[in-house]
Amino acid sequence: MTQTTQAVPRFGDLGIAPDILAVLDQLYTQPTPIQHQVIPAAIAGKDIVGIAQTGTGKTLAFSVPMLQRIMASGGQGLVILPTRELALQVDEVLQKIGRPLKIKTAVLIGGASSYNQVQQLRRNPHVVVATPGRLVDHMQQRNYSLKQVSVIVLDEADRMLDIGFLPQIKEILKSAPTERQTMLFSATMPQKIAQIATTYMKSPQRFEVSPAGTPAAHIEQGVFYVSSTEKMQLLEKLLETVPGTILVFSRTKHGAKKITAGVSAMGHSAVEIHSNRSLSQRKDALAGFKAGRYRVMIATDIASRGIDVNDITLVINFDLPDNNEDYVHRIGRTGRAGKAGRALTFATHSERMDIRQIERLIRKSLPTLTVPTLPPRRAAVHVAEDQPRDFGRRSFGGRSSSGARSSSAGRPSFGGDRSARPAARAGGRSFSGRSSAGGASRFRGHGSR
């Protein structure tokens, strides 16, 4: 019998220029699937729509062809992202690749000095990395013009629409030169993103590493059905029994603050990250979480895609997200770069239909886990309200441009229940992965609201 060996993908097979290839060979071993698919087409100058989860290597997939085009033909690259944290992390990758190649970047984000950003722009950077609101501010103040832009990248496009940046994105794309290359990356593909691709891109090639909206296959998932008052006790139990770094998602900023105070009272090192924290506080929180100074990070969805930390053991959805698509992005913080990960969700009994909506999105049933014996309930920890920070272009209250529920309505924070209607806990798998009866669990079918 003849055995065939599948060739291992190499950066050297993708048409990358020798000087860039020399840098990549020192930093990375082999391309990820999204890099292997996108880089050759993007180097050929094609417009790109890439559907891939976070943690799959999208940044390198657009950075390499963008830098190669700029170095060969001039012009300027523009990368647009929804959050400051993502902008800083993309700039970090560009610096890592570009520094040996004498590439200069500028970062335009809220919460940082506009004066310093203007100075960066005056140095004529090769690549500008920006959030939509601050970029439009600089355009309106005539600090920055798009006339030299030859490559535009929209990264995490679905999240930008979720938080209300569609008008800014349209303004930016209308102001950019028509002769340009455009690349759009997203984990999901809602209709409004498809419309952007149709209106502002030229016959884009679509590359889909996994079906839109599906999480990585190697992330173990499960759901605990508990009352709102049991959530902190269940969290304490998991923190006692699961080793490693843990990321907890709260639906609101005040909820994140309360959870952080509660976790700290349990004796664990914890830090919060959300839009009421200053840029320096958010950077310190991420740096401390990466370095291990904090074992537990509590975050809101506004910051979720900026959390690029390797080896997160467990993601916990303390509250369900307002947008079902955010479930995919939340759990994508674990199991990155092909590693195994784990994601557990706390849901009240009245949220079973919301869980079924998530199951429809991810095309997978979430096993129901048996709630372990919980520790005694602790006294409530009082926390002071943060003063709201006004960042300008985000919409609060009502629905976002994508039709999302606002944080002032819908699911209450900190484990609140959307109705008092009781429901019996469904039998299902235990925390160890076995059913409460000792056998394999039975998955519920998919349902619709």
Protein backbone atom coordinates (compact mmCIF):
# COMPACT_ATOMS: atom_id res chain seq x y z
CA MET A 1 0.00 0.00 0.00
CA THR A 2 1.36 3.39 -0.95
CA GLN A 3 1.18 6.02 1.75
CA THR A 4 0.97 9.68 0.84
CA THR A 5 2.31 12.38 3.09
CA GLN A 6 0.48 15.69 3.10
CA ALA A 7 2.86 18.59 2.58
CA VAL A 8 3.27 20.91 5.54
CA PRO A 9 2.35 24.48 4.47
CA ARG A 10 5.26 26.91 4.41
CA PHE A 11 5.44 30.69 4.19
CA GLY A 12 7.97 30.22 1.39
CA ASP A 13 5.26 28.77 -0.86
CA LEU A 14 2.94 31.79 -0.63
CA GLY A 15 4.71 34.30 -2.87
CA ILE A 16 6.09 36.40 -0.03
CA ALA A 17 9.01 38.70 -0.85
CA PRO A 18 12.41 37.46 0.43
CA ASP A 19 13.02 40.32 2.90
CA ILE A 20 9.62 39.83 4.57
CA LEU A 21 10.03 36.05 4.44
CA ALA A 22 13.33 36.29 6.30
CA VAL A 23 11.57 38.10 9.16
CA LEU A 24 8.67 35.63 9.25
CA ASP A 25 11.00 32.63 9.39
CA GLN A 26 12.51 34.02 12.59
CA LEU A 27 9.12 34.56 14.25
CA TYR A 28 6.75 31.81 13.06
CA THR A 29 6.97 28.14 12.14
CA GLN A 30 4.23 27.71 9.52
CA PRO A 31 1.15 29.57 8.27
CA THR A 32 -2.28 28.96 9.77
CA PRO A 33 -5.13 27.93 7.43
CA ILE A 34 -6.44 31.49 7.03
CA GLN A 35 -2.92 32.76 6.29
CA HIS A 36 -2.30 29.96 3.81
CA GLN A 37 -5.49 30.82 1.91
CA VAL A 38 -5.49 34.61 2.07
CA ILE A 39 -1.86 35.66 1.63
CA PRO A 40 -1.35 34.51 -2.01
CA ALA A 41 -4.63 36.07 -3.19
CA ALA A 42 -3.99 39.29 -1.30
CA ILE A 43 -0.44 39.53 -2.66
CA ALA A 44 -1.99 39.22 -6.12
CA GLY A 45 -3.99 42.37 -5.33
CA LYS A 46 -7.42 40.80 -4.91
CA ASP A 47 -10.03 42.22 -2.56
CA ILE A 48 -10.57 39.77 0.27
CA VAL A 49 -13.44 38.73 2.54
CA GLY A 50 -12.12 36.43 5.25
CA ILE A 51 -14.45 34.56 7.61
CA ALA A 52 -12.50 33.19 10.54
CA GLN A 53 -12.71 33.08 14.29
CA THR A 54 -10.46 35.09 16.54
CA GLY A 55 -7.15 33.43 17.31
CA THR A 56 -6.73 31.98 13.80
CA GLY A 57 -3.98 34.34 12.64
CA LYS A 58 -5.98 36.93 10.71
CA THR A 59 -3.61 39.78 11.63
CA LEU A 60 -0.68 38.17 9.86
CA ALA A 61 -2.95 37.19 6.95
CA PHE A 62 -3.56 40.85 6.07
CA SER A 63 -0.35 42.39 7.42
CA VAL A 64 2.05 40.46 5.18
CA PRO A 65 0.42 41.30 1.81
CA MET A 66 -0.27 44.88 2.93
CA LEU A 67 3.37 45.49 3.86
CA GLN A 68 4.58 43.77 0.69
CA ARG A 69 2.42 46.02 -1.50
CA ILE A 70 3.47 49.20 0.32
CA MET A 71 7.17 48.30 0.14
CA ALA A 72 6.92 47.50 -3.58
CA SER A 73 4.57 50.21 -4.84
CA GLY A 74 4.33 52.89 -2.17
CA GLY A 75 1.09 54.20 -0.77
CA GLN A 76 -0.20 53.73 2.74
CA GLY A 77 -2.03 51.01 4.62
CA LEU A 78 -5.04 51.70 6.83
CA VAL A 79 -6.27 49.12 9.36
CA ILE A 80 -9.60 49.84 11.09
CA LEU A 81 -10.67 47.97 14.22
CA PRO A 82 -13.51 48.29 16.75
CA THR A 83 -11.55 48.67 20.01
CA ARG A 84 -8.41 50.30 21.35
CA GLU A 85 -7.04 47.01 22.61
CA LEU A 86 -7.32 45.41 19.19
CA ALA A 87 -5.68 48.43 17.57
CA LEU A 88 -2.74 48.25 19.98
CA GLN A 89 -2.34 44.51 19.46
CA VAL A 90 -2.43 44.77 15.66
CA ASP A 91 0.17 47.53 15.90
CA GLU A 92 2.28 45.22 18.05
CA VAL A 93 2.26 42.59 15.30
CA LEU A 94 3.05 45.19 12.63
CA GLN A 95 5.94 46.47 14.72
CA LYS A 96 7.28 42.96 15.19
CA ILE A 97 7.28 42.30 11.45
CA GLY A 98 7.96 45.82 10.26
CA ARG A 99 10.69 47.04 12.57
CA PRO A 100 13.49 45.15 10.74
CA LEU A 101 12.01 46.49 7.47
CA LYS A 102 12.00 50.14 8.66
CA ILE A 103 8.18 50.26 8.65
CA LYS A 104 6.59 53.15 10.58
CA THR A 105 3.11 53.01 12.07
CA ALA A 106 0.67 55.42 13.70
CA VAL A 107 -2.10 54.43 16.10
CA LEU A 108 -5.25 56.60 16.27
CA ILE A 109 -7.48 55.58 19.19
CA GLY A 110 -9.66 57.29 21.77
CA GLY A 111 -8.36 57.80 25.28
CA ALA A 112 -4.89 58.70 24.02
CA SER A 113 -3.28 62.06 23.26
CA SER A 114 -4.52 63.56 19.98
CA TYR A 115 -1.40 65.75 19.89
CA ASN A 116 0.88 62.70 19.93
CA GLN A 117 -1.22 61.11 17.21
CA VAL A 118 -0.87 64.19 15.02
CA GLN A 119 2.91 64.00 15.49
CA GLN A 120 2.84 60.37 14.38
CA LEU A 121 0.86 61.30 11.29
CA ARG A 122 3.30 64.05 10.39
CA ARG A 123 6.06 61.43 10.21
CA ASN A 124 4.21 59.96 7.20
CA PRO A 125 3.71 56.41 8.53
CA HIS A 126 3.53 53.44 6.21
CA VAL A 127 0.50 52.06 8.09
CA VAL A 128 -2.20 53.78 10.16
CA VAL A 129 -4.04 51.63 12.70
CA ALA A 130 -7.24 53.24 13.97
CA THR A 131 -10.65 52.93 15.55
CA PRO A 132 -13.40 54.46 13.38
CA GLY A 133 -14.44 57.30 15.71
CA ARG A 134 -10.96 58.71 16.29
CA LEU A 135 -10.04 58.27 12.63
CA VAL A 136 -13.05 60.32 11.49
CA ASP A 137 -12.19 62.97 14.11
CA HIS A 138 -8.72 63.39 12.60
CA MET A 139 -10.18 63.46 9.10
CA GLN A 140 -12.69 66.18 10.04
CA GLN A 141 -9.99 68.22 11.76
CA ARG A 142 -7.84 67.89 8.61
CA ASN A 143 -5.08 66.15 10.51
CA TYR A 144 -5.26 63.18 8.18
CA SER A 145 -6.20 62.56 4.58
CA LEU A 146 -6.84 59.20 2.94
CA LYS A 147 -5.46 60.27 -0.45
CA GLN A 148 -2.30 58.12 -0.07
CA VAL A 149 -4.14 55.00 1.13
CA SER A 150 -3.69 52.04 -1.19
CA VAL A 151 -4.79 49.22 1.16
CA ILE A 152 -7.71 49.28 3.62
CA VAL A 153 -8.34 46.51 6.13
CA LEU A 154 -11.58 46.23 8.11
CA ASP A 155 -10.89 43.78 10.92
CA GLU A 156 -13.58 42.41 13.27
CA ALA A 157 -16.11 44.07 10.98
CA ASP A 158 -19.13 42.49 12.64
CA ARG A 159 -18.15 43.95 16.00
CA MET A 160 -17.75 47.42 14.50
CA LEU A 161 -21.33 47.20 13.26
CA ASP A 162 -22.52 45.88 16.63
CA ILE A 163 -21.30 48.97 18.47
CA GLY A 164 -22.69 51.42 15.95
CA PHE A 165 -19.74 52.31 13.71
CA LEU A 166 -21.47 51.69 10.36
CA PRO A 167 -21.84 55.43 9.52
CA GLN A 168 -18.15 56.04 10.21
CA ILE A 169 -17.10 53.02 8.15
CA LYS A 170 -19.16 54.22 5.20
CA GLU A 171 -17.69 57.72 5.51
CA ILE A 172 -14.16 56.32 5.55
CA LEU A 173 -14.69 54.03 2.56
CA LYS A 174 -16.35 56.81 0.54
CA SER A 175 -13.41 59.14 1.28
CA ALA A 176 -10.72 56.63 0.29
CA PRO A 177 -9.29 56.43 -3.24
CA THR A 178 -11.32 54.16 -5.52
CA GLU A 179 -8.12 52.52 -6.76
CA ARG A 180 -7.27 50.56 -3.65
CA GLN A 181 -7.23 47.06 -2.26
CA THR A 182 -9.81 46.32 0.43
CA MET A 183 -9.71 43.40 2.85
CA LEU A 184 -12.54 42.63 5.28
CA PHE A 185 -12.31 40.09 8.10
CA SER A 186 -15.10 38.94 10.36
CA ALA A 187 -16.08 35.96 12.49
CA THR A 188 -19.72 36.25 11.40
CA MET A 189 -21.32 37.47 8.19
CA PRO A 190 -24.48 39.49 8.89
CA GLN A 191 -26.33 41.06 5.98
CA LYS A 192 -24.94 44.55 6.55
CA ILE A 193 -21.37 43.29 6.16
CA ALA A 194 -22.35 41.52 2.94
CA GLN A 195 -23.75 44.86 1.74
CA ILE A 196 -20.45 46.60 2.54
CA ALA A 197 -18.60 43.99 0.50
CA THR A 198 -20.99 44.43 -2.42
CA THR A 199 -20.91 48.25 -2.35
CA TYR A 200 -17.30 49.07 -1.55
CA MET A 201 -15.25 46.10 -2.77
CA LYS A 202 -14.32 44.86 -6.23
CA SER A 203 -15.29 41.22 -6.83
CA PRO A 204 -13.86 40.11 -3.48
CA GLN A 205 -12.61 36.58 -3.04
CA ARG A 206 -14.14 34.90 -0.02
CA PHE A 207 -12.16 32.61 2.24
CA GLU A 208 -13.91 30.78 5.03
CA VAL A 209 -11.83 28.78 7.49
CA SER A 210 -14.99 27.58 9.26
CA PRO A 211 -18.68 28.36 8.73
CA ALA A 212 -19.60 31.87 9.82
CA GLY A 213 -20.60 31.99 13.47
CA THR A 214 -19.09 28.67 14.50
CA PRO A 215 -16.54 28.45 17.32
CA ALA A 216 -13.35 26.41 17.15
CA ALA A 217 -14.00 22.68 17.27
CA HIS A 218 -11.45 22.07 20.04
CA ILE A 219 -13.26 24.24 22.61
CA GLU A 220 -15.21 22.14 25.11
CA GLN A 221 -18.49 23.90 25.90
CA GLY A 222 -21.27 23.47 28.45
CA VAL A 223 -24.01 25.33 30.29
CA PHE A 224 -25.04 25.40 33.95
CA TYR A 225 -28.65 26.33 34.70
CA VAL A 226 -28.69 28.18 38.01
CA SER A 227 -30.69 30.89 39.72
CA SER A 228 -29.33 34.42 39.60
CA THR A 229 -28.43 34.24 43.29
CA GLU A 230 -26.32 31.09 42.79
CA LYS A 231 -24.02 32.48 40.11
CA MET A 232 -21.37 33.88 42.46
CA GLN A 233 -21.33 30.63 44.44
CA LEU A 234 -20.87 28.61 41.25
CA LEU A 235 -18.11 30.97 40.15
CA GLU A 236 -16.36 30.49 43.49
CA LYS A 237 -16.61 26.71 43.11
CA LEU A 238 -15.07 26.80 39.62
CA LEU A 239 -12.25 29.09 40.75
CA GLU A 240 -11.46 26.57 43.49
CA THR A 241 -11.46 23.53 41.21
CA VAL A 242 -10.14 24.76 37.85
CA PRO A 243 -6.45 25.72 37.72
CA GLY A 244 -4.93 28.34 35.45
CA THR A 245 -6.02 31.70 34.12
CA ILE A 246 -9.75 32.37 33.83
CA LEU A 247 -11.64 34.99 31.85
CA VAL A 248 -15.15 35.93 33.03
CA PHE A 249 -17.63 37.87 30.90
CA SER A 250 -20.22 40.20 32.40
CA ARG A 251 -22.98 41.86 30.38
CA THR A 252 -22.50 45.31 31.96
CA LYS A 253 -19.73 47.47 33.35
CA HIS A 254 -21.25 47.65 36.82
CA GLY A 255 -21.69 43.88 36.79
CA ALA A 256 -18.00 43.47 35.94
CA LYS A 257 -17.08 45.73 38.82
CA LYS A 258 -19.24 43.74 41.27
CA ILE A 259 -17.88 40.40 40.09
CA THR A 260 -14.29 41.67 40.37
CA ALA A 261 -14.90 42.80 43.93
CA GLY A 262 -16.49 39.46 44.76
CA VAL A 263 -13.65 37.43 43.24
CA SER A 264 -11.08 39.53 45.08
CA ALA A 265 -12.96 38.89 48.34
CA MET A 266 -12.58 35.16 47.63
CA GLY A 267 -8.81 35.61 47.72
CA HIS A 268 -8.07 35.50 44.00
CA SER A 269 -6.10 38.15 42.12
CA ALA A 270 -8.63 39.77 39.79
CA VAL A 271 -8.87 42.74 37.45
CA GLU A 272 -11.68 44.29 35.41
CA ILE A 273 -11.63 45.65 31.87
CA HIS A 274 -14.44 47.65 30.29
CA SER A 275 -15.15 51.01 28.68
CA ASN A 276 -15.33 52.90 31.98
CA ARG A 277 -11.66 52.13 32.59
CA SER A 278 -9.08 54.53 31.22
CA LEU A 279 -6.76 53.46 28.42
CA SER A 280 -3.84 53.14 30.84
CA GLN A 281 -5.97 51.06 33.23
CA ARG A 282 -7.03 48.75 30.40
CA LYS A 283 -3.46 48.37 29.16
CA ASP A 284 -2.26 47.62 32.69
CA ALA A 285 -5.05 45.07 33.17
CA LEU A 286 -4.16 43.24 29.95
CA ALA A 287 -0.44 43.35 30.69
CA GLY A 288 -1.01 42.05 34.21
CA PHE A 289 -3.29 39.27 33.00
CA LYS A 290 -0.75 38.22 30.37
CA ALA A 291 2.10 38.29 32.88
CA GLY A 292 0.18 36.32 35.49
CA ARG A 293 -0.17 39.11 38.06
CA TYR A 294 -3.93 38.60 37.82
CA ARG A 295 -5.36 35.10 37.66
CA VAL A 296 -8.89 36.21 36.80
CA MET A 297 -10.00 38.93 34.39
CA ILE A 298 -13.60 40.14 34.29
CA ALA A 299 -14.57 41.79 31.00
CA THR A 300 -17.50 43.18 29.07
CA ASP A 301 -18.14 42.53 25.39
CA ILE A 302 -16.90 45.98 24.43
CA ALA A 303 -13.41 44.79 25.40
CA SER A 304 -13.75 41.11 24.54
CA ARG A 305 -12.02 41.13 21.15
CA GLY A 306 -9.06 43.06 22.45
CA ILE A 307 -8.12 40.28 24.84
CA ASP A 308 -5.39 38.45 22.93
CA VAL A 309 -3.88 36.31 25.67
CA ASN A 310 -2.47 32.84 25.10
CA ASP A 311 -3.24 29.84 27.31
CA ILE A 312 -6.47 31.02 28.93
CA THR A 313 -7.67 27.84 30.65
CA LEU A 314 -11.34 28.69 30.93
CA VAL A 315 -13.83 31.26 29.69
CA ILE A 316 -16.94 31.76 31.84
CA ASN A 317 -20.05 33.50 30.55
CA PHE A 318 -21.36 34.83 33.87
CA ASP A 319 -24.11 36.59 31.89
CA LEU A 320 -25.33 35.75 28.41
CA PRO A 321 -24.28 38.32 25.79
CA ASP A 322 -26.71 40.83 24.32
CA ASN A 323 -25.80 39.66 20.81
CA ASN A 324 -25.71 35.92 20.26
CA GLU A 325 -22.76 36.40 17.88
CA ASP A 326 -20.71 37.69 20.81
CA TYR A 327 -20.86 34.20 22.30
CA VAL A 328 -18.52 33.05 19.53
CA HIS A 329 -16.09 35.88 20.17
CA ARG A 330 -16.14 35.38 23.92
CA ILE A 331 -15.28 31.71 23.86
CA GLY A 332 -12.71 32.33 21.13
CA ARG A 333 -10.44 33.77 23.85
CA THR A 334 -9.63 30.18 24.87
CA GLY A 335 -8.38 27.38 22.66
CA ARG A 336 -6.28 29.72 20.54
CA ALA A 337 -3.68 28.66 17.97
CA GLY A 338 -5.08 25.15 17.76
CA LYS A 339 -4.88 24.40 21.48
CA ALA A 340 -7.69 22.85 23.51
CA GLY A 341 -9.92 25.25 25.42
CA ARG A 342 -12.95 25.28 27.67
CA ALA A 343 -15.97 27.60 27.87
CA LEU A 344 -18.77 27.38 30.45
CA THR A 345 -21.96 29.42 30.51
CA PHE A 346 -24.19 30.36 33.45
CA ALA A 347 -27.84 30.68 32.43
CA THR A 348 -31.03 31.12 34.40
CA HIS A 349 -33.93 28.78 33.73
CA SER A 350 -35.85 31.51 31.90
CA GLU A 351 -32.93 31.87 29.45
CA ARG A 352 -33.26 28.41 27.93
CA MET A 353 -34.64 29.86 24.71
CA ASP A 354 -31.66 32.20 24.51
CA ILE A 355 -29.34 29.22 24.83
CA ARG A 356 -31.21 27.50 22.01
CA GLN A 357 -30.71 30.59 19.82
CA ILE A 358 -26.98 30.35 20.49
CA GLU A 359 -27.08 26.65 19.61
CA ARG A 360 -28.71 27.48 16.30
CA LEU A 361 -25.98 30.02 15.57
CA ILE A 362 -23.06 27.71 16.38
CA ARG A 363 -24.77 24.66 14.86
CA LYS A 364 -24.11 22.65 17.98
CA SER A 365 -25.97 21.66 21.15
CA LEU A 366 -24.52 22.86 24.43
CA PRO A 367 -24.38 20.04 26.99
CA THR A 368 -26.25 20.76 30.23
CA LEU A 369 -23.87 20.30 33.14
CA THR A 370 -24.85 19.18 36.62
CA VAL A 371 -24.36 21.95 39.15
CA PRO A 372 -21.80 20.83 41.77
CA THR A 373 -22.23 21.28 45.51
CA LEU A 374 -21.93 25.01 46.04
CA PRO A 375 -20.06 26.79 48.84
CA PRO A 376 -22.03 28.93 51.31
CA ARG A 377 -23.21 32.27 50.00
CA ARG A 378 -20.92 35.16 50.88
CA ALA A 379 -22.06 38.55 52.10
CA ALA A 380 -22.64 41.03 49.29
CA VAL A 381 -19.66 43.26 48.49
CA HIS A 382 -20.51 46.94 48.09
CA VAL A 383 -18.89 48.69 45.14
CA ALA A 384 -19.04 52.34 44.18
CA GLU A 385 -20.40 53.34 40.80
CA ASP A 386 -17.82 54.33 38.19
CA GLN A 387 -18.19 57.73 36.60
CA PRO A 388 -19.18 57.10 32.97
CA ARG A 389 -16.45 57.87 30.44
CA ASP A 390 -17.69 59.58 27.27
CA PHE A 391 -15.91 58.20 24.22
CA GLY A 392 -18.10 59.90 21.71
CA ARG A 393 -19.24 57.67 18.92
CA ARG A 394 -20.63 54.64 20.65
CA SER A 395 -24.38 54.41 21.03
CA PHE A 396 -25.86 53.67 24.43
CA GLY A 397 -29.43 52.63 25.05
CA GLY A 398 -31.86 51.37 22.48
CA ARG A 399 -30.56 49.17 19.70
CA SER A 400 -27.28 49.31 17.92
CA SER A 401 -27.06 49.49 14.15
CA SER A 402 -27.17 45.69 14.08
CA GLY A 403 -30.34 45.51 16.12
CA ALA A 404 -28.64 44.42 19.33
CA ARG A 405 -30.34 44.72 22.66
CA SER A 406 -28.91 47.59 24.66
CA SER A 407 -27.26 47.08 28.02
CA SER A 408 -30.04 49.05 29.66
CA ALA A 409 -32.67 46.54 28.64
CA GLY A 410 -33.00 42.81 28.11
CA ARG A 411 -30.98 40.58 30.35
CA PRO A 412 -30.21 42.06 33.74
CA SER A 413 -26.60 42.14 34.86
CA PHE A 414 -24.91 40.16 37.60
CA GLY A 415 -26.98 37.06 37.08
CA GLY A 416 -30.41 38.69 36.85
CA ASP A 417 -33.37 36.73 35.58
CA ARG A 418 -35.51 37.96 32.72
CA SER A 419 -38.61 36.45 34.23
CA ALA A 420 -39.63 34.75 37.44
CA ARG A 421 -40.99 31.75 35.58
CA PRO A 422 -39.43 28.66 37.22
CA ALA A 423 -38.31 25.62 35.30
CA ALA A 424 -36.92 22.28 36.42
CA ARG A 425 -33.23 21.78 35.77
CA ALA A 426 -32.74 19.45 32.87
CA GLY A 427 -30.70 16.38 33.61
CA GLY A 428 -27.46 16.39 31.73
CA ARG A 429 -23.75 16.04 31.90
CA SER A 430 -21.87 16.63 35.09
CA PHE A 431 -18.97 19.03 35.34
CA SER A 432 -16.66 16.12 34.54
CA GLY A 433 -18.46 15.57 31.24
CA ARG A 434 -20.58 12.57 32.23
CA SER A 435 -24.35 12.61 32.51
CA SER A 436 -25.94 12.72 35.93
CA ALA A 437 -27.08 9.16 35.33
CA GLY A 438 -23.55 8.06 34.52
CA GLY A 439 -23.96 7.64 30.78
CA ALA A 440 -23.57 9.83 27.71
CA SER A 441 -25.69 12.94 27.77
CA ARG A 442 -28.63 13.48 25.44
CA PHE A 443 -28.44 16.70 23.45
CA ARG A 444 -31.51 18.82 23.06
CA GLY A 445 -32.66 19.59 19.58
CA HIS A 446 -32.34 23.05 18.11
CA GLY A 447 -35.30 25.31 18.60
CA SER A 448 -36.45 28.70 17.50
CA ARG A 449 -37.83 31.59 19.44
